N, C-alpha and C. Protein backbone atom coordinates (compact mmCIF):
# COMPACT_ATOMS: atom_id res chain seq x y z
N PHE A 1 0.96 -1.35 0.09
CA PHE A 1 -0.12 0.03 0.19
C PHE A 1 1.12 1.23 0.06
N LEU A 2 0.75 2.04 -0.97
CA LEU A 2 1.71 3.54 -1.08
C LEU A 2 0.62 4.44 -0.71
N HIS A 3 1.20 5.13 0.42
CA HIS A 3 0.26 6.45 0.67
C HIS A 3 1.55 7.76 1.15
N ARG A 4 0.80 8.66 0.96
CA ARG A 4 1.60 10.03 0.95
C ARG A 4 1.93 10.93 2.22
N PHE A 5 1.25 9.80 3.38
CA PHE A 5 2.45 10.03 4.48
C PHE A 5 3.54 9.85 5.13
N PHE A 6 3.46 8.65 4.36
CA PHE A 6 5.68 8.08 4.78
C PHE A 6 5.82 8.83 3.50
N ASP A 7 5.50 8.90 2.16
CA ASP A 7 5.78 9.21 0.88
C ASP A 7 6.57 10.40 1.29
N ASP A 8 5.32 11.63 1.89
CA ASP A 8 5.91 12.55 1.55
C ASP A 8 6.72 13.76 3.02
N PHE A 9 6.34 12.33 4.09
CA PHE A 9 6.87 12.85 5.49
C PHE A 9 8.14 11.94 5.96
N THR A 10 8.77 12.21 6.58
CA THR A 10 10.08 11.84 7.61
C THR A 10 9.50 12.09 9.44
N VAL A 11 9.00 11.28 9.98
CA VAL A 11 8.39 11.28 11.34
C VAL A 11 9.36 11.22 12.30
N THR A 12 9.44 12.24 12.82
CA THR A 12 10.55 12.43 14.31
C THR A 12 9.66 11.76 15.24
N HIS A 13 8.51 12.20 15.84
CA HIS A 13 8.08 11.76 17.40
C HIS A 13 6.48 12.20 16.61
N ILE A 14 5.70 11.33 17.70
CA ILE A 14 4.78 11.13 18.26
C ILE A 14 4.22 12.47 19.09
N LEU A 15 3.49 13.76 18.75
CA LEU A 15 3.04 14.93 19.64
C LEU A 15 1.81 14.24 20.77
N GLY A 16 0.98 13.64 20.33
CA GLY A 16 -0.08 13.60 20.81
C GLY A 16 -0.81 12.33 20.11
N GLU A 17 -1.76 11.69 21.12
CA GLU A 17 -2.51 10.53 20.55
C GLU A 17 -4.10 11.16 21.14
N GLY A 18 -5.20 10.32 20.36
CA GLY A 18 -6.64 10.82 21.09
C GLY A 18 -6.92 9.90 20.52
N GLY A 19 -8.87 9.73 21.05
CA GLY A 19 -9.53 9.11 20.18
C GLY A 19 -9.46 8.61 18.67
N TYR A 20 -9.57 10.04 18.02
CA TYR A 20 -9.71 10.04 17.23
C TYR A 20 -8.11 9.87 15.84
N GLY A 21 -7.20 9.45 16.43
CA GLY A 21 -5.84 9.16 15.50
C GLY A 21 -4.39 9.77 16.90
N CYS A 22 -3.68 9.87 15.89
CA CYS A 22 -2.34 10.84 16.67
C CYS A 22 -1.71 11.64 15.41
N VAL A 23 -0.87 12.97 16.42
CA VAL A 23 -0.46 14.01 15.44
C VAL A 23 1.08 13.77 15.78
N PHE A 24 1.55 13.55 14.63
CA PHE A 24 2.89 13.31 14.67
C PHE A 24 3.88 14.70 13.91
N GLU A 25 5.05 14.91 14.87
CA GLU A 25 6.08 15.85 14.09
C GLU A 25 6.77 14.82 12.79
N ALA A 26 6.78 15.70 12.17
CA ALA A 26 6.99 15.06 10.40
C ALA A 26 8.29 16.55 9.80
N GLU A 27 9.10 16.17 9.18
CA GLU A 27 9.60 16.52 8.45
C GLU A 27 9.16 16.07 6.49
N ASN A 28 8.37 17.39 6.28
CA ASN A 28 8.68 17.39 4.40
C ASN A 28 9.90 16.78 3.88
N ARG A 29 9.44 15.98 3.20
CA ARG A 29 11.00 15.31 2.25
C ARG A 29 11.24 16.47 1.12
N LEU A 30 10.52 17.15 0.55
CA LEU A 30 10.79 18.13 -0.50
C LEU A 30 11.20 19.54 0.32
N ASP A 31 10.45 20.51 0.73
CA ASP A 31 10.99 21.51 1.74
C ASP A 31 11.49 21.56 2.64
N CYS A 32 11.93 20.22 3.34
CA CYS A 32 12.59 20.56 4.76
C CYS A 32 11.97 21.07 5.80
N GLY A 33 10.41 21.26 5.63
CA GLY A 33 9.79 21.67 6.78
C GLY A 33 9.45 21.19 7.77
N LYS A 34 9.50 21.60 9.33
CA LYS A 34 8.48 20.86 10.28
C LYS A 34 7.08 21.00 10.33
N TYR A 35 6.42 19.86 10.42
CA TYR A 35 4.89 20.28 10.31
C TYR A 35 4.19 18.86 11.38
N ALA A 36 3.10 19.47 11.79
CA ALA A 36 2.23 18.59 12.84
C ALA A 36 0.85 17.89 11.90
N VAL A 37 1.32 16.35 12.25
CA VAL A 37 0.53 16.15 10.75
C VAL A 37 -0.34 15.01 11.94
N LYS A 38 -1.85 15.51 11.46
CA LYS A 38 -2.79 15.03 12.11
C LYS A 38 -3.42 13.55 11.33
N ARG A 39 -2.69 12.38 11.66
CA ARG A 39 -3.84 11.28 11.38
C ARG A 39 -5.22 10.95 11.72
N VAL A 40 -5.81 10.80 10.82
CA VAL A 40 -7.22 10.24 11.45
C VAL A 40 -7.86 8.91 11.08
N ALA A 41 -8.02 7.75 11.76
CA ALA A 41 -8.86 6.99 10.95
C ALA A 41 -10.02 6.79 10.93
N VAL A 42 -10.57 7.25 9.90
CA VAL A 42 -11.92 7.66 9.54
C VAL A 42 -12.80 6.16 8.97
N ASP A 43 -14.02 5.90 9.63
CA ASP A 43 -14.89 4.44 8.99
C ASP A 43 -15.35 4.70 8.08
N ALA A 44 -15.67 3.89 7.31
CA ALA A 44 -16.18 4.25 5.50
C ALA A 44 -17.03 4.71 5.36
N GLY A 45 -18.08 5.25 7.06
CA GLY A 45 -19.14 5.62 6.29
C GLY A 45 -19.24 6.93 5.88
N LYS A 46 -19.99 7.26 5.23
CA LYS A 46 -20.07 8.26 5.03
C LYS A 46 -20.49 10.17 5.86
N ALA A 47 -21.40 9.50 6.96
CA ALA A 47 -21.70 10.50 8.01
C ALA A 47 -20.47 10.43 9.00
N THR A 48 -19.48 9.33 9.23
CA THR A 48 -18.00 9.43 9.74
C THR A 48 -17.04 10.61 9.03
N ARG A 49 -17.31 10.54 7.81
CA ARG A 49 -16.03 11.15 6.60
C ARG A 49 -16.79 12.38 6.82
N GLU A 50 -17.72 13.02 6.60
CA GLU A 50 -18.44 14.28 6.95
C GLU A 50 -17.98 14.38 8.15
N LYS A 51 -18.12 14.10 9.18
CA LYS A 51 -17.79 15.10 10.76
C LYS A 51 -16.57 15.20 10.60
N ALA A 52 -15.70 14.50 9.74
CA ALA A 52 -13.80 14.68 9.60
C ALA A 52 -14.13 15.90 9.30
N LEU A 53 -14.10 15.83 7.55
CA LEU A 53 -14.57 16.72 6.73
C LEU A 53 -14.78 18.51 7.30
N MET A 54 -15.85 18.53 8.00
CA MET A 54 -15.74 19.60 9.11
C MET A 54 -15.41 20.26 9.35
N GLU A 55 -14.41 19.16 10.29
CA GLU A 55 -13.48 19.83 11.01
C GLU A 55 -12.03 20.38 10.48
N VAL A 56 -12.01 19.80 9.39
CA VAL A 56 -10.87 20.29 8.41
C VAL A 56 -11.44 21.50 7.41
N ARG A 57 -12.41 21.68 7.60
CA ARG A 57 -12.90 23.06 7.09
C ARG A 57 -13.37 24.00 7.96
N ALA A 58 -13.40 23.68 9.31
CA ALA A 58 -13.44 24.73 9.87
C ALA A 58 -11.73 25.09 10.56
N MET A 59 -10.71 23.64 10.27
CA MET A 59 -9.58 24.27 10.05
C MET A 59 -8.94 25.28 9.67
N ALA A 60 -9.53 24.83 8.29
CA ALA A 60 -8.93 25.86 7.17
C ALA A 60 -9.44 27.04 7.15
N LEU A 61 -10.29 27.58 8.07
CA LEU A 61 -10.88 28.95 8.02
C LEU A 61 -10.06 29.82 9.34
N LEU A 62 -9.04 28.98 10.14
CA LEU A 62 -8.94 29.91 11.51
C LEU A 62 -7.88 30.60 10.90
N ASP A 63 -6.93 31.41 11.65
CA ASP A 63 -6.11 32.59 11.32
C ASP A 63 -6.00 33.22 11.79
N HIS A 64 -5.03 32.62 13.44
CA HIS A 64 -4.72 33.63 14.42
C HIS A 64 -3.05 32.87 15.09
N GLU A 65 -2.54 34.22 15.50
CA GLU A 65 -1.84 33.92 15.70
C GLU A 65 -1.36 32.68 17.09
N GLY A 66 -1.87 32.30 17.79
CA GLY A 66 -1.95 31.79 18.48
C GLY A 66 -2.47 29.89 18.24
N ILE A 67 -2.83 29.57 16.83
CA ILE A 67 -3.37 28.46 16.95
C ILE A 67 -2.71 28.43 15.32
N VAL A 68 -2.40 26.99 15.49
CA VAL A 68 -1.57 26.59 14.47
C VAL A 68 -2.40 26.30 12.71
N ARG A 69 -1.48 26.93 12.03
CA ARG A 69 -1.72 27.32 10.73
C ARG A 69 -1.63 25.80 9.79
N TYR A 70 -3.44 25.54 9.71
CA TYR A 70 -3.37 24.57 8.54
C TYR A 70 -3.36 24.32 7.36
N ASN A 71 -2.61 23.49 6.78
CA ASN A 71 -2.07 23.31 5.54
C ASN A 71 -2.58 22.81 4.14
N LEU A 72 -3.06 21.44 4.75
CA LEU A 72 -3.54 20.78 3.81
C LEU A 72 -4.36 19.28 4.06
N THR A 73 -4.88 19.03 3.55
CA THR A 73 -5.96 18.04 3.59
C THR A 73 -5.55 16.69 2.69
N TRP A 74 -5.76 15.43 2.86
CA TRP A 74 -5.68 14.53 1.99
C TRP A 74 -6.57 12.78 2.53
N ILE A 75 -7.12 12.28 1.58
CA ILE A 75 -8.22 11.37 2.15
C ILE A 75 -6.96 10.11 1.43
N GLU A 76 -7.39 9.12 2.31
CA GLU A 76 -6.48 7.60 1.93
C GLU A 76 -7.67 6.50 1.80
N GLU A 77 -7.65 5.24 1.59
CA GLU A 77 -8.20 4.32 1.86
C GLU A 77 -7.43 3.02 2.13
N PRO A 78 -6.42 2.91 3.19
CA PRO A 78 -5.58 2.01 3.49
C PRO A 78 -6.34 0.75 3.53
N PRO A 79 -6.35 -0.80 3.34
CA PRO A 79 -6.37 -1.99 3.96
C PRO A 79 -6.92 -1.91 5.20
N GLU A 80 -8.21 -2.33 5.82
CA GLU A 80 -8.34 -2.43 7.36
C GLU A 80 -7.09 -2.86 8.04
N GLY A 81 -6.74 -2.29 9.32
CA GLY A 81 -6.17 -2.84 10.08
C GLY A 81 -4.49 -2.01 9.38
N TRP A 82 -4.42 -1.80 8.70
CA TRP A 82 -3.11 -1.44 8.37
C TRP A 82 -2.24 -0.33 9.51
N GLN A 83 -3.77 0.90 9.41
CA GLN A 83 -2.23 2.18 9.99
C GLN A 83 -2.40 1.19 11.19
N PHE A 84 -2.64 0.89 12.45
CA PHE A 84 -2.09 0.43 13.06
C PHE A 84 -1.36 -0.18 13.62
N ASP A 85 -1.39 -1.69 12.55
CA ASP A 85 0.18 -2.23 12.30
C ASP A 85 1.33 -0.98 12.46
N ALA A 86 1.19 -0.10 11.13
CA ALA A 86 2.09 0.57 10.93
C ALA A 86 2.14 1.73 12.33
N ASP A 87 1.24 2.12 12.45
CA ASP A 87 1.79 2.73 13.96
C ASP A 87 2.66 1.99 14.68
N LEU A 88 2.28 1.25 15.30
CA LEU A 88 2.98 0.10 16.15
C LEU A 88 4.31 -0.02 15.26
N LYS A 89 4.67 -0.29 14.15
CA LYS A 89 5.97 -0.63 13.59
C LYS A 89 6.77 0.84 13.74
N MET A 90 6.32 1.58 13.73
CA MET A 90 6.87 2.91 13.28
C MET A 90 7.53 3.14 15.13
N LEU A 91 6.80 3.07 15.85
CA LEU A 91 6.40 2.91 17.44
C LEU A 91 8.35 2.93 17.54
N LYS A 92 7.90 1.27 17.31
CA LYS A 92 9.48 0.81 17.65
C LYS A 92 10.50 0.45 17.33
N ASN A 93 10.27 1.57 16.06
CA ASN A 93 11.87 2.43 15.70
C ASN A 93 12.20 3.89 16.60
C-alpha cells in the first residue's frame, strides 16, 4: 500500500494521541519544513467521513497567531488494520 504520509514525510516523533488518531511531528521530504501531521482513522461510513471533513473545513478558516496554521488534507483508503500495524512498527523504531 502506497500512501502520501510516508511518501512525503519523515516522522520525527508523536506529539499526541487521542480517540481519533495521532499527531506526529514530521519533516516534509521536499521542502524540509517541520509540520504537525494529524492522521485520523475514519470509518468508511459517509457520516463519519463528513464529520471529519467538517473539522478540516473549520481548521482551514482559522487564522490566528495562537493557533497552528492549517496547510493540507488528503484522503486515503488503506487496507483494514493497516494504520494500527504501521503505527506499532513506527513506534518501535
